[in-house]
């Protein structure tokens, strides 16, 4: 799930992920699923919105790599 996540170009030309509403870099967080298992999350450090979550770090890295290729960049 990636909802509300956008990108901006850094000075080095790489994509930096930000909250599409607040335009701030999200924080990494852990959340709990119903079964008590942890999930890896990105939370907006300003508005607190949950922007994305994954079951594993590997799934997070893979999805973010693919998302970076097609994310709409904010001006």
Protein backbone atom coordinates (compact mmCIF):
# COMPACT_ATOMS: atom_id res chain seq x y z
CA UNK A 1 0.00 0.00 0.00
CA UNK A 2 1.35 3.40 -0.97
CA UNK A 3 -1.21 6.13 -0.45
CA UNK A 4 -0.34 9.81 -0.24
CA UNK A 5 3.33 9.28 -1.01
CA UNK A 6 4.90 11.57 -3.61
CA UNK A 7 8.40 12.42 -4.73
CA UNK A 8 10.66 15.40 -5.22
CA UNK A 9 14.05 15.54 -6.95
CA UNK A 10 16.98 16.13 -4.64
CA UNK A 11 19.92 18.30 -5.61
CA UNK A 12 21.77 15.11 -6.57
CA UNK A 13 19.01 14.06 -8.97
CA UNK A 14 17.61 11.24 -6.85
CA UNK A 15 13.96 10.92 -5.85
CA UNK A 16 13.13 11.75 -2.23
CA UNK A 17 9.79 10.47 -0.94
CA UNK A 18 7.50 12.98 0.79
CA UNK A 19 3.92 13.22 2.04
CA UNK A 20 1.90 14.52 -0.92
CA UNK A 21 -0.16 16.73 1.41
CA UNK A 22 2.52 18.22 3.69
CA UNK A 23 5.58 17.78 1.44
CA UNK A 24 7.74 16.58 4.33
CA UNK A 25 9.89 13.44 4.48
CA UNK A 26 8.08 10.60 6.26
CA UNK A 27 9.37 8.73 9.28
CA UNK A 28 9.90 4.97 9.40
CA UNK A 29 7.68 3.29 11.97
CA UNK A 30 6.48 -0.11 13.11
CA UNK A 31 2.80 -1.01 13.44
CA UNK A 32 0.95 -4.07 14.65
CA UNK A 33 -1.34 -6.23 12.53
CA UNK A 34 -4.32 -8.05 14.02
CA UNK A 35 -2.24 -11.15 14.74
CA UNK A 36 0.32 -9.12 16.67
CA UNK A 37 2.84 -9.26 13.84
CA UNK A 38 4.81 -6.12 13.12
CA UNK A 39 4.54 -4.24 9.83
CA UNK A 40 6.96 -1.66 8.48
CA UNK A 41 5.40 1.74 7.81
CA UNK A 42 6.06 5.22 6.50
CA UNK A 43 4.26 7.89 8.57
CA UNK A 44 4.12 11.61 7.74
CA UNK A 45 6.15 13.39 10.41
CA UNK A 46 3.84 16.43 10.20
CA UNK A 47 0.23 15.24 9.80
CA UNK A 48 0.71 11.67 11.09
CA UNK A 49 -0.89 10.00 8.06
CA UNK A 50 0.09 6.40 7.34
CA UNK A 51 1.53 6.60 3.83
CA UNK A 52 2.61 3.01 3.27
CA UNK A 53 3.05 -0.34 5.00
CA UNK A 54 4.74 -3.66 4.27
CA UNK A 55 5.12 -7.06 5.92
CA UNK A 56 8.89 -7.21 5.38
CA UNK A 57 11.80 -4.86 4.78
CA UNK A 58 12.51 -6.67 1.53
CA UNK A 59 8.95 -6.01 0.30
CA UNK A 60 9.33 -2.35 1.30
CA UNK A 61 12.59 -1.92 -0.60
CA UNK A 62 11.26 -3.65 -3.72
CA UNK A 63 8.03 -1.63 -3.84
CA UNK A 64 9.79 1.69 -3.18
CA UNK A 65 12.32 1.00 -5.96
CA UNK A 66 9.48 0.37 -8.42
CA UNK A 67 7.47 3.33 -7.09
CA UNK A 68 10.46 5.66 -7.57
CA UNK A 69 10.47 4.85 -11.30
CA UNK A 70 6.87 6.00 -11.81
CA UNK A 71 6.11 8.45 -8.98
CA UNK A 72 4.74 11.84 -9.99
CA UNK A 73 7.25 14.45 -8.91
CA UNK A 74 6.00 17.53 -7.08
CA UNK A 75 7.18 20.92 -8.30
